[in-house]
Amino acid sequence: MTGSSKIFERRNHYDYVYLSDLLRNMSNYISKKILMLRG
């Protein structure tokens, strides 16, 4: 029981890291697009 919950927590942590990376990349991409449109 405890082992499976540990694995679940670890997977959630990886999902969180992946989502935060995705959001960071998207915001960088959008800001670059805005700079290109302005310039």
PDB file of N, CA and C in Angstrom:
ATOM      1  N   MET A   1       0.839  -1.201   0.000  1.00  0.00           N
ATOM      2  CA  MET A   1       0.000   0.000   0.000  1.00  0.00           C
ATOM      3  C   MET A   1       0.879   1.259   0.000  1.00  0.00           C
ATOM      4  N   THR A   2       1.819   1.320   0.924  1.00  0.00           N
ATOM      5  CA  THR A   2       2.647   2.530   0.998  1.00  0.00           C
ATOM      6  C   THR A   2       3.525   2.654  -0.248  1.00  0.00           C
ATOM      7  N   GLY A   3       4.012   1.538  -0.755  1.00  0.00           N
ATOM      8  CA  GLY A   3       4.876   1.578  -1.936  1.00  0.00           C
ATOM      9  C   GLY A   3       4.141   2.135  -3.144  1.00  0.00           C
ATOM     10  N   SER A   4       2.898   1.688  -3.350  1.00  0.00           N
ATOM     11  CA  SER A   4       2.144   2.155  -4.515  1.00  0.00           C
ATOM     12  C   SER A   4       1.862   3.655  -4.394  1.00  0.00           C
ATOM     13  N   SER A   5       1.564   4.128  -3.180  1.00  0.00           N
ATOM     14  CA  SER A   5       1.293   5.564  -3.010  1.00  0.00           C
ATOM     15  C   SER A   5       2.578   6.363  -3.273  1.00  0.00           C
ATOM     16  N   LYS A   6       3.736   5.800  -2.917  1.00  0.00           N
ATOM     17  CA  LYS A   6       5.004   6.483  -3.177  1.00  0.00           C
ATOM     18  C   LYS A   6       5.211   6.641  -4.674  1.00  0.00           C
ATOM     19  N   ILE A   7       4.957   5.564  -5.413  1.00  0.00           N
ATOM     20  CA  ILE A   7       5.109   5.616  -6.873  1.00  0.00           C
ATOM     21  C   ILE A   7       4.151   6.657  -7.449  1.00  0.00           C
ATOM     22  N   PHE A   8       2.943   6.696  -6.924  1.00  0.00           N
ATOM     23  CA  PHE A   8       1.949   7.654  -7.404  1.00  0.00           C
ATOM     24  C   PHE A   8       2.432   9.081  -7.155  1.00  0.00           C
ATOM     25  N   GLU A   9       2.983   9.338  -5.965  1.00  0.00           N
ATOM     26  CA  GLU A   9       3.486  10.678  -5.655  1.00  0.00           C
ATOM     27  C   GLU A   9       4.611  11.062  -6.606  1.00  0.00           C
ATOM     28  N   ARG A  10       5.510  10.118  -6.861  1.00  0.00           N
ATOM     29  CA  ARG A  10       6.634  10.410  -7.741  1.00  0.00           C
ATOM     30  C   ARG A  10       6.133  10.750  -9.144  1.00  0.00           C
ATOM     31  N   ARG A  11       5.131   9.986  -9.628  1.00  0.00           N
ATOM     32  CA  ARG A  11       4.603  10.239 -10.967  1.00  0.00           C
ATOM     33  C   ARG A  11       3.947  11.621 -11.023  1.00  0.00           C
ATOM     34  N   ASN A  12       3.235  11.985  -9.955  1.00  0.00           N
ATOM     35  CA  ASN A  12       2.621  13.312  -9.926  1.00  0.00           C
ATOM     36  C   ASN A  12       3.689  14.398  -9.970  1.00  0.00           C
ATOM     37  N   HIS A  13       4.802  14.174  -9.289  1.00  0.00           N
ATOM     38  CA  HIS A  13       5.893  15.144  -9.279  1.00  0.00           C
ATOM     39  C   HIS A  13       6.443  15.311 -10.690  1.00  0.00           C
ATOM     40  N   TYR A  14       6.645  14.208 -11.400  1.00  0.00           N
ATOM     41  CA  TYR A  14       7.151  14.286 -12.772  1.00  0.00           C
ATOM     42  C   TYR A  14       6.158  15.014 -13.670  1.00  0.00           C
ATOM     43  N   ASP A  15       4.857  14.735 -13.491  1.00  0.00           N
ATOM     44  CA  ASP A  15       3.833  15.423 -14.287  1.00  0.00           C
ATOM     45  C   ASP A  15       3.901  16.928 -14.030  1.00  0.00           C
ATOM     46  N   TYR A  16       4.086  17.316 -12.772  1.00  0.00           N
ATOM     47  CA  TYR A  16       4.152  18.738 -12.416  1.00  0.00           C
ATOM     48  C   TYR A  16       5.364  19.394 -13.070  1.00  0.00           C
ATOM     49  N   VAL A  17       6.520  18.719 -13.019  1.00  0.00           N
ATOM     50  CA  VAL A  17       7.738  19.265 -13.627  1.00  0.00           C
ATOM     51  C   VAL A  17       7.541  19.412 -15.136  1.00  0.00           C
ATOM     52  N   TYR A  18       6.921  18.396 -15.742  1.00  0.00           N
ATOM     53  CA  TYR A  18       6.695  18.428 -17.187  1.00  0.00           C
ATOM     54  C   TYR A  18       5.763  19.576 -17.557  1.00  0.00           C
ATOM     55  N   LEU A  19       4.693  19.755 -16.783  1.00  0.00           N
ATOM     56  CA  LEU A  19       3.735  20.825 -17.081  1.00  0.00           C
ATOM     57  C   LEU A  19       4.383  22.198 -16.900  1.00  0.00           C
ATOM     58  N   SER A  20       5.171  22.381 -15.853  1.00  0.00           N
ATOM     59  CA  SER A  20       5.805  23.682 -15.628  1.00  0.00           C
ATOM     60  C   SER A  20       6.796  23.983 -16.751  1.00  0.00           C
ATOM     61  N   ASP A  21       7.541  22.951 -17.218  1.00  0.00           N
ATOM     62  CA  ASP A  21       8.449  23.145 -18.349  1.00  0.00           C
ATOM     63  C   ASP A  21       7.665  23.555 -19.586  1.00  0.00           C
ATOM     64  N   LEU A  22       6.537  22.868 -19.828  1.00  0.00           N
ATOM     65  CA  LEU A  22       5.708  23.163 -20.988  1.00  0.00           C
ATOM     66  C   LEU A  22       5.204  24.605 -20.930  1.00  0.00           C
ATOM     67  N   LEU A  23       4.745  25.027 -19.760  1.00  0.00           N
ATOM     68  CA  LEU A  23       4.241  26.399 -19.615  1.00  0.00           C
ATOM     69  C   LEU A  23       5.355  27.410 -19.848  1.00  0.00           C
ATOM     70  N   ARG A  24       6.543  27.123 -19.330  1.00  0.00           N
ATOM     71  CA  ARG A  24       7.665  28.049 -19.503  1.00  0.00           C
ATOM     72  C   ARG A  24       8.021  28.177 -20.980  1.00  0.00           C
ATOM     73  N   ASN A  25       8.073  27.032 -21.684  1.00  0.00           N
ATOM     74  CA  ASN A  25       8.401  27.065 -23.110  1.00  0.00           C
ATOM     75  C   ASN A  25       7.336  27.829 -23.893  1.00  0.00           C
ATOM     76  N   MET A  26       6.073  27.611 -23.544  1.00  0.00           N
ATOM     77  CA  MET A  26       4.992  28.298 -24.244  1.00  0.00           C
ATOM     78  C   MET A  26       5.071  29.804 -24.018  1.00  0.00           C
ATOM     79  N   SER A  27       5.326  30.238 -22.798  1.00  0.00           N
ATOM     80  CA  SER A  27       5.402  31.673 -22.514  1.00  0.00           C
ATOM     81  C   SER A  27       6.598  32.292 -23.240  1.00  0.00           C
ATOM     82  N   ASN A  28       7.728  31.570 -23.284  1.00  0.00           N
ATOM     83  CA  ASN A  28       8.892  32.070 -24.023  1.00  0.00           C
ATOM     84  C   ASN A  28       8.557  32.223 -25.498  1.00  0.00           C
ATOM     85  N   TYR A  29       7.892  31.214 -26.069  1.00  0.00           N
ATOM     86  CA  TYR A  29       7.521  31.224 -27.482  1.00  0.00           C
ATOM     87  C   TYR A  29       6.581  32.393 -27.778  1.00  0.00           C
ATOM     88  N   ILE A  30       5.583  32.594 -26.903  1.00  0.00           N
ATOM     89  CA  ILE A  30       4.611  33.670 -27.117  1.00  0.00           C
ATOM     90  C   ILE A  30       5.285  35.037 -27.003  1.00  0.00           C
ATOM     91  N   SER A  31       6.157  35.205 -26.032  1.00  0.00           N
ATOM     92  CA  SER A  31       6.830  36.502 -25.878  1.00  0.00           C
ATOM     93  C   SER A  31       7.723  36.785 -27.083  1.00  0.00           C
ATOM     94  N   LYS A  32       8.390  35.756 -27.628  1.00  0.00           N
ATOM     95  CA  LYS A  32       9.206  35.947 -28.830  1.00  0.00           C
ATOM     96  C   LYS A  32       8.328  36.344 -30.009  1.00  0.00           C
ATOM     97  N   LYS A  33       7.167  35.701 -30.134  1.00  0.00           N
ATOM     98  CA  LYS A  33       6.243  36.034 -31.226  1.00  0.00           C
ATOM     99  C   LYS A  33       5.796  37.486 -31.106  1.00  0.00           C
ATOM    100  N   ILE A  34       5.481  37.921 -29.887  1.00  0.00           N
ATOM    101  CA  ILE A  34       5.026  39.306 -29.677  1.00  0.00           C
ATOM    102  C   ILE A  34       6.152  40.277 -30.041  1.00  0.00           C
ATOM    103  N   LEU A  35       7.382  39.963 -29.651  1.00  0.00           N
ATOM    104  CA  LEU A  35       8.516  40.828 -29.984  1.00  0.00           C
ATOM    105  C   LEU A  35       8.687  40.904 -31.497  1.00  0.00           C
ATOM    106  N   MET A  36       8.530  39.778 -32.191  1.00  0.00           N
ATOM    107  CA  MET A  36       8.671  39.763 -33.647  1.00  0.00           C
ATOM    108  C   MET A  36       7.568  40.604 -34.293  1.00  0.00           C
ATOM    109  N   LEU A  37       6.344  40.487 -33.777  1.00  0.00           N
ATOM    110  CA  LEU A  37       5.236  41.258 -34.355  1.00  0.00           C
ATOM    111  C   LEU A  37       5.444  42.754 -34.119  1.00  0.00           C
ATOM    112  N   ARG A  38       5.951  43.119 -32.944  1.00  0.00           N
ATOM    113  CA  ARG A  38       6.169  44.531 -32.633  1.00  0.00           C
ATOM    114  C   ARG A  38       7.314  45.086 -33.471  1.00  0.00           C
ATOM    115  N   GLY A  39       8.420  44.312 -33.533  1.00  0.00           N
ATOM    116  CA  GLY A  39       9.603  44.773 -34.267  1.00  0.00           C
ATOM    117  C   GLY A  39       9.374  44.699 -35.746  1.00  0.00           C
TER     118      GLY A  39
END
